[in-house]
């Protein structure tokens, strides 16, 4: 009787997201870069911040990240041939058009699994974004289901905030207006930025208000 009542329960997939501050999972694969196929790997971005995201996401603001020494790589489980085809289709026709970032192919799904973002049932990655620092350590992880996007404004803010902590120490606490002042002066007067940000208020007063609705 017990055997008749026994139900077969499907076990959830063994999905493990890498822990923050640990080394980011290494990756190597073929990407579409400036209309050409090119092998890229994590170590190519040594001494730079890297935003690795599993797209779709907004491709139009890459230069804002590069201005703060951060590169951007897009990854999906499509093949590099599919990526190449998508870049030759304009956005208004459903493609991605010409983009200025590597489109990394993960046809084997090894990268998506290594980063813990693979939807095993559908063979595609969830909408995920990883911020990796100059030492190839994971500093931030965002993973959404397929129906909800991510904010580019927030990703850029986080990169700059981590860079500030790298430069001045994690004991510093700051509010949004102080970070904005640091962002304005950082290139012209790096030595003066720390004094600006020492004017601390409560530790919970750092807030972020998107300049535009999220959902990318």
Protein backbone atom coordinates (compact mmCIF):
# COMPACT_ATOMS: atom_id res chain seq x y z
CA UNK A 1 0.00 0.00 0.00
CA UNK A 2 2.77 2.40 0.94
CA UNK A 3 4.47 1.60 -2.34
CA UNK A 4 1.29 2.47 -4.21
CA UNK A 5 1.04 5.83 -2.48
CA UNK A 6 4.67 6.68 -3.00
CA UNK A 7 5.08 9.65 -5.30
CA UNK A 8 7.97 10.40 -7.58
CA UNK A 9 9.30 13.81 -6.62
CA UNK A 10 11.62 15.54 -9.03
CA UNK A 11 14.72 16.83 -7.30
CA UNK A 12 15.64 20.44 -7.97
CA UNK A 13 18.74 20.97 -10.12
CA UNK A 14 22.06 21.28 -8.34
CA UNK A 15 22.43 25.02 -8.93
CA UNK A 16 25.09 26.72 -6.84
CA UNK A 17 25.79 30.43 -7.18
CA UNK A 18 29.44 31.32 -6.46
CA UNK A 19 30.01 33.03 -3.13
CA UNK A 20 30.85 36.71 -2.97
CA UNK A 21 34.51 37.69 -2.47
CA UNK A 22 35.67 34.31 -3.82
CA UNK A 23 37.42 33.96 -7.18
CA UNK A 24 35.02 34.23 -10.08
CA UNK A 25 34.63 31.00 -12.06
CA UNK A 26 37.06 31.01 -14.95
CA UNK A 27 35.62 31.09 -18.43
CA UNK A 28 36.97 30.72 -21.94
CA UNK A 29 34.98 30.66 -25.13
CA UNK A 30 34.34 32.05 -28.57
CA UNK A 31 32.80 35.50 -28.73
CA UNK A 32 31.67 37.82 -31.47
CA UNK A 33 33.86 40.93 -31.17
CA UNK A 34 33.56 43.70 -33.75
CA UNK A 35 32.03 41.29 -36.22
CA UNK A 36 34.78 38.69 -35.83
CA UNK A 37 35.06 35.42 -33.90
CA UNK A 38 37.57 35.71 -31.04
CA UNK A 39 38.53 33.52 -28.09
CA UNK A 40 38.14 35.40 -24.80
CA UNK A 41 38.78 34.38 -21.20
CA UNK A 42 38.46 35.85 -17.74
CA UNK A 43 42.18 36.62 -17.47
CA UNK A 44 41.89 38.97 -20.46
CA UNK A 45 40.32 41.46 -18.05
CA UNK A 46 43.03 41.41 -15.40
CA UNK A 47 43.44 44.76 -13.59
CA UNK A 48 40.02 45.91 -14.76
CA UNK A 49 36.55 45.60 -13.37
CA UNK A 50 34.28 43.39 -15.42
CA UNK A 51 30.51 43.22 -15.67
CA UNK A 52 29.54 39.78 -16.95
CA UNK A 53 25.88 39.53 -17.75
CA UNK A 54 23.64 36.95 -19.26
CA UNK A 55 21.62 38.96 -21.69
CA UNK A 56 19.27 40.52 -22.82
CA UNK A 57 20.32 43.86 -21.40
CA UNK A 58 20.87 47.43 -22.62
CA UNK A 59 23.94 47.61 -24.88
CA UNK A 60 23.89 51.38 -25.41
CA UNK A 61 25.86 52.60 -22.38
CA UNK A 62 29.09 50.63 -22.50
CA UNK A 63 31.25 53.75 -22.70
CA UNK A 64 30.01 54.85 -19.27
CA UNK A 65 31.51 51.67 -17.81
CA UNK A 66 34.74 52.00 -19.77
CA UNK A 67 35.25 55.50 -18.44
CA UNK A 68 35.59 53.95 -14.98
CA UNK A 69 37.94 51.16 -16.15
CA UNK A 70 35.24 48.52 -16.38
CA UNK A 71 34.62 46.25 -19.34
CA UNK A 72 31.36 44.51 -20.19
CA UNK A 73 30.87 41.00 -21.60
CA UNK A 74 27.52 39.51 -22.61
CA UNK A 75 26.97 35.76 -22.48
CA UNK A 76 24.19 33.44 -23.58
CA UNK A 77 23.73 29.77 -24.38
CA UNK A 78 23.46 30.53 -28.09
CA UNK A 79 26.32 29.54 -30.39
CA UNK A 80 28.79 32.11 -31.71
CA UNK A 81 27.19 31.65 -35.13
CA UNK A 82 23.82 32.64 -33.66
CA UNK A 83 25.41 35.66 -32.00
CA UNK A 84 26.94 36.71 -35.29
CA UNK A 85 23.58 36.38 -37.02
CA UNK A 86 21.83 38.45 -34.32
CA UNK A 87 24.36 41.29 -34.73
CA UNK A 88 23.44 41.50 -38.40
CA UNK A 89 19.76 42.00 -37.65
CA UNK A 90 18.72 45.55 -36.62
CA UNK A 91 17.01 45.97 -33.28
CA UNK A 92 13.82 47.21 -34.88
CA UNK A 93 13.64 43.83 -36.61
CA UNK A 94 14.22 41.77 -33.46
CA UNK A 95 18.02 41.48 -33.51
CA UNK A 96 20.68 43.17 -31.38
CA UNK A 97 22.38 45.15 -34.16
CA UNK A 98 26.01 46.18 -34.06
CA UNK A 99 27.29 46.13 -30.47
CA UNK A 100 30.58 47.24 -28.97
CA UNK A 101 31.03 44.42 -26.46
CA UNK A 102 31.97 40.74 -26.76
CA UNK A 103 29.03 38.36 -27.14
CA UNK A 104 30.29 35.18 -25.51
CA UNK A 105 28.86 31.85 -26.69
CA UNK A 106 28.02 29.26 -24.03
CA UNK A 107 26.58 26.52 -26.21
CA UNK A 108 27.85 23.82 -23.83
CA UNK A 109 26.21 25.69 -20.91
CA UNK A 110 29.38 25.23 -18.83
CA UNK A 111 29.69 28.94 -18.05
CA UNK A 112 26.03 29.29 -17.08
CA UNK A 113 26.32 26.26 -14.81
CA UNK A 114 29.59 27.48 -13.28
CA UNK A 115 27.89 30.76 -12.37
CA UNK A 116 24.75 29.00 -11.12
CA UNK A 117 22.33 30.70 -13.49
CA UNK A 118 21.29 27.97 -15.91
CA UNK A 119 17.60 27.18 -16.29
CA UNK A 120 18.06 23.45 -16.81
CA UNK A 121 14.52 22.91 -18.08
CA UNK A 122 14.84 25.41 -20.91
CA UNK A 123 18.59 25.32 -21.53
CA UNK A 124 18.96 29.08 -21.18
CA UNK A 125 20.41 31.35 -18.54
CA UNK A 126 18.38 33.45 -16.14
CA UNK A 127 18.84 37.21 -16.32
CA UNK A 128 21.99 37.48 -14.24
CA UNK A 129 24.70 40.06 -13.73
CA UNK A 130 28.05 39.62 -11.98
CA UNK A 131 30.49 42.35 -10.99
CA UNK A 132 34.07 41.03 -10.95
CA UNK A 133 36.91 43.16 -9.59
CA UNK A 134 40.52 43.66 -10.66
CA UNK A 135 41.59 40.55 -8.74
CA UNK A 136 38.90 38.46 -10.49
CA UNK A 137 36.84 38.22 -7.28
CA UNK A 138 33.07 38.29 -7.33
CA UNK A 139 31.77 41.45 -5.68
CA UNK A 140 28.09 41.48 -6.61
CA UNK A 141 25.50 39.07 -7.99
CA UNK A 142 22.05 39.81 -9.39
CA UNK A 143 19.86 36.97 -10.67
CA UNK A 144 16.30 37.51 -11.87
CA UNK A 145 13.86 35.18 -13.53
CA UNK A 146 13.19 35.67 -17.22
CA UNK A 147 10.34 38.11 -16.73
CA UNK A 148 12.23 40.83 -14.85
CA UNK A 149 15.20 42.81 -16.11
CA UNK A 150 18.06 44.68 -14.46
CA UNK A 151 18.96 48.35 -14.03
CA UNK A 152 22.04 49.60 -15.88
CA UNK A 153 22.08 52.67 -13.63
CA UNK A 154 22.34 50.46 -10.56
CA UNK A 155 25.07 48.30 -12.09
CA UNK A 156 27.18 51.37 -12.85
CA UNK A 157 26.58 52.79 -9.38
CA UNK A 158 27.71 49.52 -7.78
CA UNK A 159 30.89 49.34 -9.86
CA UNK A 160 31.83 52.86 -8.78
CA UNK A 161 30.94 52.15 -5.17
CA UNK A 162 33.15 49.03 -5.10
CA UNK A 163 35.97 50.99 -6.71
CA UNK A 164 35.64 53.63 -4.02
CA UNK A 165 35.84 50.99 -1.30
CA UNK A 166 38.89 49.48 -3.00
CA UNK A 167 40.62 52.84 -2.95
CA UNK A 168 39.61 54.16 0.45
CA UNK A 169 38.81 51.11 2.55
CA UNK A 170 35.56 49.44 3.48
CA UNK A 171 35.39 51.30 6.80
CA UNK A 172 34.19 54.36 4.93
CA UNK A 173 30.46 55.04 4.87
CA UNK A 174 28.93 57.46 2.48
CA UNK A 175 25.65 58.76 1.13
CA UNK A 176 24.59 59.14 -2.47
CA UNK A 177 25.33 62.85 -2.72
CA UNK A 178 28.85 62.26 -1.43
CA UNK A 179 29.45 59.51 -3.97
CA UNK A 180 28.28 61.84 -6.71
CA UNK A 181 30.77 64.45 -5.52
CA UNK A 182 33.52 61.84 -5.55
CA UNK A 183 32.54 60.77 -9.06
CA UNK A 184 32.82 64.36 -10.28
CA UNK A 185 36.22 64.98 -8.68
CA UNK A 186 37.83 61.56 -8.86
CA UNK A 187 39.63 62.08 -12.15
CA UNK A 188 40.70 65.65 -11.47
CA UNK A 189 41.60 65.38 -7.78
CA UNK A 190 41.83 61.81 -6.46
CA UNK A 191 43.50 62.96 -3.24
CA UNK A 192 40.64 65.26 -2.36
CA UNK A 193 37.88 62.72 -2.82
CA UNK A 194 38.49 60.98 0.49
CA UNK A 195 37.96 64.19 2.44
CA UNK A 196 34.63 64.71 0.72
CA UNK A 197 33.43 61.26 1.63
CA UNK A 198 34.57 61.40 5.26
CA UNK A 199 31.53 63.56 6.01
CA UNK A 200 29.51 60.55 6.98
CA UNK A 201 25.96 60.30 8.17
CA UNK A 202 24.01 57.27 9.33
CA UNK A 203 25.14 53.95 7.92
CA UNK A 204 21.70 53.26 6.51
CA UNK A 205 21.36 56.56 4.68
CA UNK A 206 22.89 55.43 1.39
CA UNK A 207 20.01 55.30 -1.02
CA UNK A 208 19.56 54.89 -4.74
CA UNK A 209 16.75 56.32 -6.80
CA UNK A 210 16.81 55.19 -10.44
CA UNK A 211 16.95 58.01 -12.96
CA UNK A 212 14.67 55.96 -15.17
CA UNK A 213 12.43 52.95 -14.55
CA UNK A 214 14.32 49.65 -14.31
CA UNK A 215 13.42 46.69 -16.40
CA UNK A 216 16.23 46.31 -18.94
